[in-house]
């Protein structure tokens, strides 16, 4: 299932993400993928039987970048313990890597100030 983050609220210590789909019963798998065709980062969630993808579209990237290091909490109940390290890992992999597509790489590098 594709779960889109459609609202983000920033507090002093957290990035609070909200989705239309419920996230009860889901846990983080601790891995992030990229949907370079749709300009999104997909954080993998697990319900014990299948995986879901929590999608952060391009419009959310600057909020993630500007609040790096804060706790990420989804729908007030799902804390993403490994989100920051996974985002850092994927950004390191994307930087200068044309395998993701030139336009996608440029957008990521510009938003996350990777140059």
PDB file of N, CA and C in Angstrom:
ATOM      1  N   UNK A   1       0.832  -1.172   0.000  1.00  0.00           N
ATOM      2  CA  UNK A   1       0.000   0.000   0.000  1.00  0.00           C
ATOM      3  C   UNK A   1       0.885   1.246   0.000  1.00  0.00           C
ATOM      4  N   UNK A   2       0.462   2.231  -0.738  1.00  0.00           N
ATOM      5  CA  UNK A   2       1.161   3.504  -0.796  1.00  0.00           C
ATOM      6  C   UNK A   2       0.431   4.488   0.120  1.00  0.00           C
ATOM      7  N   UNK A   3       1.132   4.959   1.147  1.00  0.00           N
ATOM      8  CA  UNK A   3       0.560   5.883   2.125  1.00  0.00           C
ATOM      9  C   UNK A   3       1.271   7.222   1.956  1.00  0.00           C
ATOM     10  N   UNK A   4       0.517   8.227   1.559  1.00  0.00           N
ATOM     11  CA  UNK A   4       1.118   9.539   1.305  1.00  0.00           C
ATOM     12  C   UNK A   4       1.056  10.428   2.534  1.00  0.00           C
ATOM     13  N   UNK A   5       2.177  11.060   2.864  1.00  0.00           N
ATOM     14  CA  UNK A   5       2.187  12.092   3.890  1.00  0.00           C
ATOM     15  C   UNK A   5       1.576  13.324   3.239  1.00  0.00           C
ATOM     16  N   UNK A   6       0.413  13.757   3.751  1.00  0.00           N
ATOM     17  CA  UNK A   6      -0.258  14.900   3.123  1.00  0.00           C
ATOM     18  C   UNK A   6      -0.280  16.135   4.004  1.00  0.00           C
ATOM     19  N   UNK A   7       0.294  16.020   5.217  1.00  0.00           N
ATOM     20  CA  UNK A   7       0.404  17.189   6.089  1.00  0.00           C
ATOM     21  C   UNK A   7       1.581  16.979   7.024  1.00  0.00           C
ATOM     22  N   UNK A   8       2.326  18.041   7.269  1.00  0.00           N
ATOM     23  CA  UNK A   8       3.441  18.000   8.212  1.00  0.00           C
ATOM     24  C   UNK A   8       3.323  19.205   9.133  1.00  0.00           C
ATOM     25  N   UNK A   9       3.468  18.939  10.430  1.00  0.00           N
ATOM     26  CA  UNK A   9       3.503  20.009  11.431  1.00  0.00           C
ATOM     27  C   UNK A   9       4.835  19.909  12.165  1.00  0.00           C
ATOM     28  N   UNK A  10       5.497  21.041  12.311  1.00  0.00           N
ATOM     29  CA  UNK A  10       6.797  21.074  12.958  1.00  0.00           C
ATOM     30  C   UNK A  10       6.631  21.574  14.390  1.00  0.00           C
ATOM     31  N   UNK A  11       7.223  20.855  15.341  1.00  0.00           N
ATOM     32  CA  UNK A  11       7.270  21.320  16.719  1.00  0.00           C
ATOM     33  C   UNK A  11       8.739  21.556  17.075  1.00  0.00           C
ATOM     34  N   UNK A  12       8.990  21.951  18.314  1.00  0.00           N
ATOM     35  CA  UNK A  12      10.370  22.215  18.730  1.00  0.00           C
ATOM     36  C   UNK A  12      11.272  21.005  18.574  1.00  0.00           C
ATOM     37  N   UNK A  13      10.709  19.806  18.796  1.00  0.00           N
ATOM     38  CA  UNK A  13      11.549  18.614  18.774  1.00  0.00           C
ATOM     39  C   UNK A  13      11.099  17.528  17.798  1.00  0.00           C
ATOM     40  N   UNK A  14      10.044  17.802  17.002  1.00  0.00           N
ATOM     41  CA  UNK A  14       9.566  16.726  16.133  1.00  0.00           C
ATOM     42  C   UNK A  14       9.003  17.223  14.802  1.00  0.00           C
ATOM     43  N   UNK A  15       8.986  16.283  13.866  1.00  0.00           N
ATOM     44  CA  UNK A  15       8.315  16.453  12.584  1.00  0.00           C
ATOM     45  C   UNK A  15       7.103  15.532  12.655  1.00  0.00           C
ATOM     46  N   UNK A  16       5.930  16.101  12.722  1.00  0.00           N
ATOM     47  CA  UNK A  16       4.700  15.305  12.848  1.00  0.00           C
ATOM     48  C   UNK A  16       4.046  15.201  11.475  1.00  0.00           C
ATOM     49  N   UNK A  17       3.982  13.963  10.995  1.00  0.00           N
ATOM     50  CA  UNK A  17       3.466  13.688   9.655  1.00  0.00           C
ATOM     51  C   UNK A  17       2.081  13.071   9.770  1.00  0.00           C
ATOM     52  N   UNK A  18       1.198  13.472   8.858  1.00  0.00           N
ATOM     53  CA  UNK A  18      -0.170  12.954   8.887  1.00  0.00           C
ATOM     54  C   UNK A  18      -0.551  12.400   7.521  1.00  0.00           C
ATOM     55  N   UNK A  19      -1.315  11.304   7.561  1.00  0.00           N
ATOM     56  CA  UNK A  19      -1.756  10.629   6.343  1.00  0.00           C
ATOM     57  C   UNK A  19      -3.268  10.431   6.422  1.00  0.00           C
ATOM     58  N   UNK A  20      -3.890  10.195   5.277  1.00  0.00           N
ATOM     59  CA  UNK A  20      -5.313   9.874   5.278  1.00  0.00           C
ATOM     60  C   UNK A  20      -5.549   8.421   5.676  1.00  0.00           C
ATOM     61  N   UNK A  21      -4.588   7.562   5.392  1.00  0.00           N
ATOM     62  CA  UNK A  21      -4.708   6.147   5.727  1.00  0.00           C
ATOM     63  C   UNK A  21      -4.246   5.919   7.165  1.00  0.00           C
ATOM     64  N   UNK A  22      -4.880   4.998   7.878  1.00  0.00           N
ATOM     65  CA  UNK A  22      -4.448   4.695   9.247  1.00  0.00           C
ATOM     66  C   UNK A  22      -3.094   3.984   9.244  1.00  0.00           C
ATOM     67  N   UNK A  23      -2.333   4.178  10.314  1.00  0.00           N
ATOM     68  CA  UNK A  23      -1.027   3.524  10.424  1.00  0.00           C
ATOM     69  C   UNK A  23      -0.952   2.628  11.661  1.00  0.00           C
ATOM     70  N   UNK A  24      -2.090   2.400  12.320  1.00  0.00           N
ATOM     71  CA  UNK A  24      -2.097   1.507  13.467  1.00  0.00           C
ATOM     72  C   UNK A  24      -1.656   0.106  13.028  1.00  0.00           C
ATOM     73  N   UNK A  25      -0.863  -0.530  13.868  1.00  0.00           N
ATOM     74  CA  UNK A  25      -0.400  -1.880  13.568  1.00  0.00           C
ATOM     75  C   UNK A  25       0.821  -1.924  12.669  1.00  0.00           C
ATOM     76  N   UNK A  26       1.274  -0.786  12.188  1.00  0.00           N
ATOM     77  CA  UNK A  26       2.457  -0.749  11.339  1.00  0.00           C
ATOM     78  C   UNK A  26       3.692  -0.422  12.170  1.00  0.00           C
ATOM     79  N   UNK A  27       4.813  -1.007  11.791  1.00  0.00           N
ATOM     80  CA  UNK A  27       6.095  -0.681  12.402  1.00  0.00           C
ATOM     81  C   UNK A  27       7.060  -0.335  11.274  1.00  0.00           C
ATOM     82  N   UNK A  28       8.111   0.370  11.616  1.00  0.00           N
ATOM     83  CA  UNK A  28       9.078   0.716  10.581  1.00  0.00           C
ATOM     84  C   UNK A  28       9.955  -0.489  10.261  1.00  0.00           C
ATOM     85  N   UNK A  29      10.268  -0.631   8.985  1.00  0.00           N
ATOM     86  CA  UNK A  29      11.184  -1.685   8.560  1.00  0.00           C
ATOM     87  C   UNK A  29      12.619  -1.174   8.574  1.00  0.00           C
ATOM     88  N   UNK A  30      12.783   0.138   8.743  1.00  0.00           N
ATOM     89  CA  UNK A  30      14.121   0.719   8.839  1.00  0.00           C
ATOM     90  C   UNK A  30      14.843   0.796   7.510  1.00  0.00           C
ATOM     91  N   UNK A  31      14.084   0.979   6.442  1.00  0.00           N
ATOM     92  CA  UNK A  31      14.701   1.084   5.121  1.00  0.00           C
ATOM     93  C   UNK A  31      13.942   2.100   4.286  1.00  0.00           C
ATOM     94  N   UNK A  32      14.689   2.866   3.496  1.00  0.00           N
ATOM     95  CA  UNK A  32      14.087   3.850   2.609  1.00  0.00           C
ATOM     96  C   UNK A  32      14.463   3.540   1.173  1.00  0.00           C
ATOM     97  N   UNK A  33      13.489   3.695   0.303  1.00  0.00           N
ATOM     98  CA  UNK A  33      13.689   3.536  -1.136  1.00  0.00           C
ATOM     99  C   UNK A  33      13.375   4.865  -1.810  1.00  0.00           C
ATOM    100  N   UNK A  34      13.605   4.900  -3.109  1.00  0.00           N
ATOM    101  CA  UNK A  34      13.341   6.105  -3.887  1.00  0.00           C
ATOM    102  C   UNK A  34      12.380   5.774  -5.019  1.00  0.00           C
ATOM    103  N   UNK A  35      11.415   6.628  -5.213  1.00  0.00           N
ATOM    104  CA  UNK A  35      10.542   6.574  -6.391  1.00  0.00           C
ATOM    105  C   UNK A  35      10.921   7.782  -7.239  1.00  0.00           C
ATOM    106  N   UNK A  36      11.957   7.594  -8.047  1.00  0.00           N
ATOM    107  CA  UNK A  36      12.496   8.728  -8.804  1.00  0.00           C
ATOM    108  C   UNK A  36      11.554   9.192  -9.918  1.00  0.00           C
ATOM    109  N   UNK A  37      10.680   8.319 -10.390  1.00  0.00           N
ATOM    110  CA  UNK A  37       9.713   8.724 -11.417  1.00  0.00           C
ATOM    111  C   UNK A  37       8.698   9.715 -10.864  1.00  0.00           C
ATOM    112  N   UNK A  38       8.316   9.517  -9.600  1.00  0.00           N
ATOM    113  CA  UNK A  38       7.309  10.371  -8.971  1.00  0.00           C
ATOM    114  C   UNK A  38       7.898  11.328  -7.938  1.00  0.00           C
ATOM    115  N   UNK A  39       9.227  11.462  -7.946  1.00  0.00           N
ATOM    116  CA  UNK A  39       9.930  12.382  -7.046  1.00  0.00           C
ATOM    117  C   UNK A  39       9.469  12.202  -5.602  1.00  0.00           C
ATOM    118  N   UNK A  40       9.702  11.003  -5.062  1.00  0.00           N
ATOM    119  CA  UNK A  40       9.290  10.706  -3.694  1.00  0.00           C
ATOM    120  C   UNK A  40      10.301   9.787  -3.017  1.00  0.00           C
ATOM    121  N   UNK A  41      10.396   9.949  -1.698  1.00  0.00           N
ATOM    122  CA  UNK A  41      11.119   9.005  -0.868  1.00  0.00           C
ATOM    123  C   UNK A  41      10.083   8.084  -0.255  1.00  0.00           C
ATOM    124  N   UNK A  42      10.362   6.788  -0.255  1.00  0.00           N
ATOM    125  CA  UNK A  42       9.411   5.792   0.256  1.00  0.00           C
ATOM    126  C   UNK A  42      10.041   5.082   1.446  1.00  0.00           C
ATOM    127  N   UNK A  43       9.504   5.353   2.631  1.00  0.00           N
ATOM    128  CA  UNK A  43       9.979   4.712   3.849  1.00  0.00           C
ATOM    129  C   UNK A  43       9.128   3.468   4.071  1.00  0.00           C
ATOM    130  N   UNK A  44       9.762   2.333   4.264  1.00  0.00           N
ATOM    131  CA  UNK A  44       9.045   1.064   4.321  1.00  0.00           C
ATOM    132  C   UNK A  44       8.492   0.812   5.723  1.00  0.00           C
ATOM    133  N   UNK A  45       7.193   0.479   5.749  1.00  0.00           N
ATOM    134  CA  UNK A  45       6.499   0.100   6.979  1.00  0.00           C
ATOM    135  C   UNK A  45       6.037  -1.344   6.847  1.00  0.00           C
ATOM    136  N   UNK A  46       5.946  -2.035   7.981  1.00  0.00           N
ATOM    137  CA  UNK A  46       5.634  -3.464   7.994  1.00  0.00           C
ATOM    138  C   UNK A  46       4.449  -3.724   8.921  1.00  0.00           C
ATOM    139  N   UNK A  47       3.497  -4.546   8.473  1.00  0.00           N
ATOM    140  CA  UNK A  47       2.378  -4.928   9.346  1.00  0.00           C
ATOM    141  C   UNK A  47       2.489  -6.391   9.783  1.00  0.00           C
ATOM    142  N   UNK A  48       3.632  -7.021   9.498  1.00  0.00           N
ATOM    143  CA  UNK A  48       3.831  -8.418   9.868  1.00  0.00           C
ATOM    144  C   UNK A  48       3.519  -9.381   8.743  1.00  0.00           C
ATOM    145  N   UNK A  49       2.735  -8.935   7.750  1.00  0.00           N
ATOM    146  CA  UNK A  49       2.389  -9.785   6.613  1.00  0.00           C
ATOM    147  C   UNK A  49       2.796  -9.171   5.285  1.00  0.00           C
ATOM    148  N   UNK A  50       2.807  -7.846   5.222  1.00  0.00           N
ATOM    149  CA  UNK A  50       3.179  -7.175   3.975  1.00  0.00           C
ATOM    150  C   UNK A  50       3.774  -5.810   4.291  1.00  0.00           C
ATOM    151  N   UNK A  51       4.346  -5.215   3.270  1.00  0.00           N
ATOM    152  CA  UNK A  51       4.974  -3.911   3.422  1.00  0.00           C
ATOM    153  C   UNK A  51       4.083  -2.818   2.835  1.00  0.00           C
ATOM    154  N   UNK A  52       4.183  -1.652   3.434  1.00  0.00           N
ATOM    155  CA  UNK A  52       3.553  -0.447   2.903  1.00  0.00           C
ATOM    156  C   UNK A  52       4.649   0.580   2.711  1.00  0.00           C
ATOM    157  N   UNK A  53       4.397   1.548   1.855  1.00  0.00           N
ATOM    158  CA  UNK A  53       5.367   2.588   1.562  1.00  0.00           C
ATOM    159  C   UNK A  53       4.819   3.928   2.017  1.00  0.00           C
ATOM    160  N   UNK A  54       5.506   4.542   2.975  1.00  0.00           N
ATOM    161  CA  UNK A  54       5.157   5.873   3.445  1.00  0.00           C
ATOM    162  C   UNK A  54       5.871   6.859   2.539  1.00  0.00           C
ATOM    163  N   UNK A  55       5.114   7.596   1.744  1.00  0.00           N
ATOM    164  CA  UNK A  55       5.703   8.420   0.680  1.00  0.00           C
ATOM    165  C   UNK A  55       5.809   9.887   1.072  1.00  0.00           C
ATOM    166  N   UNK A  56       7.018  10.401   0.911  1.00  0.00           N
ATOM    167  CA  UNK A  56       7.308  11.816   1.109  1.00  0.00           C
ATOM    168  C   UNK A  56       7.572  12.412  -0.272  1.00  0.00           C
ATOM    169  N   UNK A  57       6.598  13.151  -0.792  1.00  0.00           N
ATOM    170  CA  UNK A  57       6.717  13.741  -2.128  1.00  0.00           C
ATOM    171  C   UNK A  57       7.588  14.984  -2.060  1.00  0.00           C
ATOM    172  N   UNK A  58       7.948  15.492  -3.215  1.00  0.00           N
ATOM    173  CA  UNK A  58       8.904  16.600  -3.315  1.00  0.00           C
ATOM    174  C   UNK A  58       8.492  17.816  -2.481  1.00  0.00           C
ATOM    175  N   UNK A  59       7.220  18.082  -2.368  1.00  0.00           N
ATOM    176  CA  UNK A  59       6.762  19.250  -1.610  1.00  0.00           C
ATOM    177  C   UNK A  59       7.099  19.147  -0.123  1.00  0.00           C
ATOM    178  N   UNK A  60       7.398  17.955   0.375  1.00  0.00           N
ATOM    179  CA  UNK A  60       7.731  17.782   1.796  1.00  0.00           C
ATOM    180  C   UNK A  60       9.233  17.835   2.063  1.00  0.00           C
ATOM    181  N   UNK A  61      10.036  17.772   1.028  1.00  0.00           N
ATOM    182  CA  UNK A  61      11.481  17.627   1.206  1.00  0.00           C
ATOM    183  C   UNK A  61      12.123  18.771   1.983  1.00  0.00           C
ATOM    184  N   UNK A  62      11.734  20.002   1.678  1.00  0.00           N
ATOM    185  CA  UNK A  62      12.378  21.138   2.353  1.00  0.00           C
ATOM    186  C   UNK A  62      12.090  21.109   3.850  1.00  0.00           C
ATOM    187  N   UNK A  63      10.905  20.662   4.244  1.00  0.00           N
ATOM    188  CA  UNK A  63      10.589  20.547   5.670  1.00  0.00           C
ATOM    189  C   UNK A  63      11.459  19.476   6.326  1.00  0.00           C
ATOM    190  N   UNK A  64      11.679  18.385   5.633  1.00  0.00           N
ATOM    191  CA  UNK A  64      12.559  17.335   6.161  1.00  0.00           C
ATOM    192  C   UNK A  64      13.980  17.860   6.304  1.00  0.00           C
ATOM    193  N   UNK A  65      14.440  18.572   5.292  1.00  0.00           N
ATOM    194  CA  UNK A  65      15.803  19.101   5.304  1.00  0.00           C
ATOM    195  C   UNK A  65      15.980  20.153   6.405  1.00  0.00           C
ATOM    196  N   UNK A  66      15.045  21.076   6.502  1.00  0.00           N
ATOM    197  CA  UNK A  66      15.156  22.175   7.460  1.00  0.00           C
ATOM    198  C   UNK A  66      14.990  21.727   8.907  1.00  0.00           C
ATOM    199  N   UNK A  67      14.487  20.523   9.113  1.00  0.00           N
ATOM    200  CA  UNK A  67      14.247  20.016  10.469  1.00  0.00           C
ATOM    201  C   UNK A  67      14.965  18.702  10.738  1.00  0.00           C
ATOM    202  N   UNK A  68      16.053  18.499  10.009  1.00  0.00           N
ATOM    203  CA  UNK A  68      16.847  17.280  10.144  1.00  0.00           C
ATOM    204  C   UNK A  68      17.278  17.094  11.600  1.00  0.00           C
ATOM    205  N   UNK A  69      17.192  15.849  12.063  1.00  0.00           N
ATOM    206  CA  UNK A  69      17.604  15.529  13.419  1.00  0.00           C
ATOM    207  C   UNK A  69      16.448  15.489  14.408  1.00  0.00           C
ATOM    208  N   UNK A  70      15.289  15.996  14.020  1.00  0.00           N
ATOM    209  CA  UNK A  70      14.123  15.945  14.900  1.00  0.00           C
ATOM    210  C   UNK A  70      13.455  14.574  14.790  1.00  0.00           C
ATOM    211  N   UNK A  71      12.726  14.188  15.824  1.00  0.00           N
ATOM    212  CA  UNK A  71      11.969  12.939  15.801  1.00  0.00           C
ATOM    213  C   UNK A  71      10.905  13.027  14.706  1.00  0.00           C
ATOM    214  N   UNK A  72      10.677  11.915  14.026  1.00  0.00           N
ATOM    215  CA  UNK A  72       9.626  11.850  13.009  1.00  0.00           C
ATOM    216  C   UNK A  72       8.523  10.952  13.562  1.00  0.00           C
ATOM    217  N   UNK A  73       7.317  11.525  13.643  1.00  0.00           N
ATOM    218  CA  UNK A  73       6.171  10.806  14.202  1.00  0.00           C
ATOM    219  C   UNK A  73       5.030  10.869  13.191  1.00  0.00           C
ATOM    220  N   UNK A  74       4.432   9.708  12.921  1.00  0.00           N
ATOM    221  CA  UNK A  74       3.352   9.621  11.934  1.00  0.00           C
ATOM    222  C   UNK A  74       2.028   9.398  12.657  1.00  0.00           C
ATOM    223  N   UNK A  75       1.044  10.226  12.316  1.00  0.00           N
ATOM    224  CA  UNK A  75      -0.313  10.121  12.868  1.00  0.00           C
ATOM    225  C   UNK A  75      -0.330  10.043  14.392  1.00  0.00           C
ATOM    226  N   UNK A  76       0.587  10.734  15.023  1.00  0.00           N
ATOM    227  CA  UNK A  76       0.690  10.851  16.486  1.00  0.00           C
ATOM    228  C   UNK A  76       0.994   9.555  17.213  1.00  0.00           C
ATOM    229  N   UNK A  77       1.181   8.423  16.494  1.00  0.00           N
ATOM    230  CA  UNK A  77       1.400   7.165  17.209  1.00  0.00           C
ATOM    231  C   UNK A  77       2.576   6.324  16.712  1.00  0.00           C
ATOM    232  N   UNK A  78       3.070   6.594  15.522  1.00  0.00           N
ATOM    233  CA  UNK A  78       4.143   5.778  14.954  1.00  0.00           C
ATOM    234  C   UNK A  78       5.431   6.599  14.900  1.00  0.00           C
ATOM    235  N   UNK A  79       6.354   6.277  15.804  1.00  0.00           N
ATOM    236  CA  UNK A  79       7.633   6.981  15.839  1.00  0.00           C
ATOM    237  C   UNK A  79       8.623   6.254  14.930  1.00  0.00           C
ATOM    238  N   UNK A  80       9.239   6.996  14.030  1.00  0.00           N
ATOM    239  CA  UNK A  80      10.197   6.417  13.083  1.00  0.00           C
ATOM    240  C   UNK A  80      11.610   6.615  13.625  1.00  0.00           C
ATOM    241  N   UNK A  81      12.110   5.606  14.307  1.00  0.00           N
ATOM    242  CA  UNK A  81      13.404   5.673  14.997  1.00  0.00           C
ATOM    243  C   UNK A  81      14.598   5.778  14.035  1.00  0.00           C
ATOM    244  N   UNK A  82      14.484   5.176  12.856  1.00  0.00           N
ATOM    245  CA  UNK A  82      15.628   5.089  11.938  1.00  0.00           C
ATOM    246  C   UNK A  82      15.493   6.001  10.724  1.00  0.00           C
ATOM    247  N   UNK A  83      14.484   6.852  10.722  1.00  0.00           N
ATOM    248  CA  UNK A  83      14.202   7.684   9.556  1.00  0.00           C
ATOM    249  C   UNK A  83      15.399   8.563   9.178  1.00  0.00           C
ATOM    250  N   UNK A  84      15.961   9.265  10.159  1.00  0.00           N
ATOM    251  CA  UNK A  84      17.034  10.226   9.886  1.00  0.00           C
ATOM    252  C   UNK A  84      18.260   9.545   9.283  1.00  0.00           C
ATOM    253  N   UNK A  85      18.650   8.419   9.844  1.00  0.00           N
ATOM    254  CA  UNK A  85      19.831   7.727   9.312  1.00  0.00           C
ATOM    255  C   UNK A  85      19.557   7.145   7.926  1.00  0.00           C
ATOM    256  N   UNK A  86      18.347   6.664   7.697  1.00  0.00           N
ATOM    257  CA  UNK A  86      18.001   6.136   6.371  1.00  0.00           C
ATOM    258  C   UNK A  86      17.950   7.250   5.325  1.00  0.00           C
ATOM    259  N   UNK A  87      17.402   8.405   5.698  1.00  0.00           N
ATOM    260  CA  UNK A  87      17.376   9.534   4.766  1.00  0.00           C
ATOM    261  C   UNK A  87      18.798   9.972   4.433  1.00  0.00           C
ATOM    262  N   UNK A  88      19.653  10.069   5.436  1.00  0.00           N
ATOM    263  CA  UNK A  88      21.052  10.448   5.199  1.00  0.00           C
ATOM    264  C   UNK A  88      21.747   9.450   4.276  1.00  0.00           C
ATOM    265  N   UNK A  89      21.508   8.171   4.509  1.00  0.00           N
ATOM    266  CA  UNK A  89      22.115   7.131   3.681  1.00  0.00           C
ATOM    267  C   UNK A  89      21.671   7.260   2.221  1.00  0.00           C
ATOM    268  N   UNK A  90      20.368   7.434   2.020  1.00  0.00           N
ATOM    269  CA  UNK A  90      19.857   7.500   0.642  1.00  0.00           C
ATOM    270  C   UNK A  90      20.330   8.775  -0.046  1.00  0.00           C
ATOM    271  N   UNK A  91      20.423   9.875   0.700  1.00  0.00           N
ATOM    272  CA  UNK A  91      20.919  11.123   0.111  1.00  0.00           C
ATOM    273  C   UNK A  91      22.375  10.980  -0.312  1.00  0.00           C
ATOM    274  N   UNK A  92      23.189  10.323   0.501  1.00  0.00           N
ATOM    275  CA  UNK A  92      24.587  10.071   0.139  1.00  0.00           C
ATOM    276  C   UNK A  92      24.669   9.244  -1.142  1.00  0.00           C
ATOM    277  N   UNK A  93      23.747   8.305  -1.299  1.00  0.00           N
ATOM    278  CA  UNK A  93      23.734   7.440  -2.469  1.00  0.00           C
ATOM    279  C   UNK A  93      23.267   8.184  -3.730  1.00  0.00           C
ATOM    280  N   UNK A  94      22.349   9.123  -3.549  1.00  0.00           N
ATOM    281  CA  UNK A  94      21.790   9.860  -4.692  1.00  0.00           C
ATOM    282  C   UNK A  94      22.764  10.905  -5.224  1.00  0.00           C
ATOM    283  N   UNK A  95      23.487  11.552  -4.342  1.00  0.00           N
ATOM    284  CA  UNK A  95      24.353  12.666  -4.742  1.00  0.00           C
ATOM    285  C   UNK A  95      25.289  12.273  -5.883  1.00  0.00           C
ATOM    286  N   UNK A  96      25.142  12.976  -7.003  1.00  0.00           N
ATOM    287  CA  UNK A  96      25.989  12.750  -8.163  1.00  0.00           C
ATOM    288  C   UNK A  96      25.749  11.440  -8.892  1.00  0.00           C
ATOM    289  N   UNK A  97      24.708  10.710  -8.545  1.00  0.00           N
ATOM    290  CA  UNK A  97      24.454   9.385  -9.109  1.00  0.00           C
ATOM    291  C   UNK A  97      23.354   9.474 -10.168  1.00  0.00           C
ATOM    292  N   UNK A  98      23.751   9.520 -11.425  1.00  0.00           N
ATOM    293  CA  UNK A  98      22.790   9.695 -12.511  1.00  0.00           C
ATOM    294  C   UNK A  98      21.888   8.475 -12.732  1.00  0.00           C
ATOM    295  N   UNK A  99      22.142   7.372 -12.025  1.00  0.00           N
ATOM    296  CA  UNK A  99      21.260   6.204 -12.139  1.00  0.00           C
ATOM    297  C   UNK A  99      19.838   6.512 -11.694  1.00  0.00           C
ATOM    298  N   UNK A 100      19.670   7.534 -10.883  1.00  0.00           N
ATOM    299  CA  UNK A 100      18.337   7.930 -10.410  1.00  0.00           C
ATOM    300  C   UNK A 100      17.630   8.862 -11.392  1.00  0.00           C
ATOM    301  N   UNK A 101      18.328   9.273 -12.427  1.00  0.00           N
ATOM    302  CA  UNK A 101      17.777  10.219 -13.391  1.00  0.00           C
ATOM    303  C   UNK A 101      18.295  11.616 -13.083  1.00  0.00           C
ATOM    304  N   UNK A 102      18.759  12.271 -14.101  1.00  0.00           N
ATOM    305  CA  UNK A 102      19.423  13.564 -13.927  1.00  0.00           C
ATOM    306  C   UNK A 102      18.533  14.607 -13.247  1.00  0.00           C
ATOM    307  N   UNK A 103      17.276  14.703 -13.670  1.00  0.00           N
ATOM    308  CA  UNK A 103      16.374  15.713 -13.105  1.00  0.00           C
ATOM    309  C   UNK A 103      16.080  15.436 -11.638  1.00  0.00           C
ATOM    310  N   UNK A 104      15.862  14.163 -11.290  1.00  0.00           N
ATOM    311  CA  UNK A 104      15.595  13.791  -9.904  1.00  0.00           C
ATOM    312  C   UNK A 104      16.801  14.120  -9.036  1.00  0.00           C
ATOM    313  N   UNK A 105      17.991  13.733  -9.485  1.00  0.00           N
ATOM    314  CA  UNK A 105      19.213  14.003  -8.727  1.00  0.00           C
ATOM    315  C   UNK A 105      19.389  15.504  -8.521  1.00  0.00           C
ATOM    316  N   UNK A 106      19.162  16.291  -9.558  1.00  0.00           N
ATOM    317  CA  UNK A 106      19.281  17.750  -9.435  1.00  0.00           C
ATOM    318  C   UNK A 106      18.303  18.313  -8.407  1.00  0.00           C
ATOM    319  N   UNK A 107      17.071  17.830  -8.438  1.00  0.00           N
ATOM    320  CA  UNK A 107      16.060  18.297  -7.476  1.00  0.00           C
ATOM    321  C   UNK A 107      16.463  17.941  -6.042  1.00  0.00           C
ATOM    322  N   UNK A 108      16.952  16.727  -5.836  1.00  0.00           N
ATOM    323  CA  UNK A 108      17.368  16.299  -4.497  1.00  0.00           C
ATOM    324  C   UNK A 108      18.578  17.112  -4.048  1.00  0.00           C
ATOM    325  N   UNK A 109      19.573  17.262  -4.916  1.00  0.00           N
ATOM    326  CA  UNK A 109      20.775  18.007  -4.557  1.00  0.00           C
ATOM    327  C   UNK A 109      20.445  19.457  -4.217  1.00  0.00           C
ATOM    328  N   UNK A 110      19.539  20.056  -4.963  1.00  0.00           N
ATOM    329  CA  UNK A 110      19.174  21.445  -4.701  1.00  0.00           C
ATOM    330  C   UNK A 110      18.428  21.581  -3.370  1.00  0.00           C
ATOM    331  N   UNK A 111      17.422  20.745  -3.152  1.00  0.00           N
ATOM    332  CA  UNK A 111      16.614  20.839  -1.936  1.00  0.00           C
ATOM    333  C   UNK A 111      17.429  20.538  -0.679  1.00  0.00           C
ATOM    334  N   UNK A 112      18.257  19.498  -0.742  1.00  0.00           N
ATOM    335  CA  UNK A 112      19.007  19.064   0.444  1.00  0.00           C
ATOM    336  C   UNK A 112      20.406  19.651   0.489  1.00  0.00           C
ATOM    337  N   UNK A 113      20.682  20.618  -0.413  1.00  0.00           N
ATOM    338  CA  UNK A 113      21.951  21.354  -0.422  1.00  0.00           C
ATOM    339  C   UNK A 113      23.148  20.410  -0.385  1.00  0.00           C
ATOM    340  N   UNK A 114      23.180  19.488  -1.353  1.00  0.00           N
ATOM    341  CA  UNK A 114      24.220  18.461  -1.362  1.00  0.00           C
ATOM    342  C   UNK A 114      25.482  18.864  -2.115  1.00  0.00           C
ATOM    343  N   UNK A 115      25.473  19.968  -2.794  1.00  0.00           N
ATOM    344  CA  UNK A 115      26.658  20.328  -3.591  1.00  0.00           C
ATOM    345  C   UNK A 115      27.659  21.099  -2.780  1.00  0.00           C
TER     346      UNK A 115
END
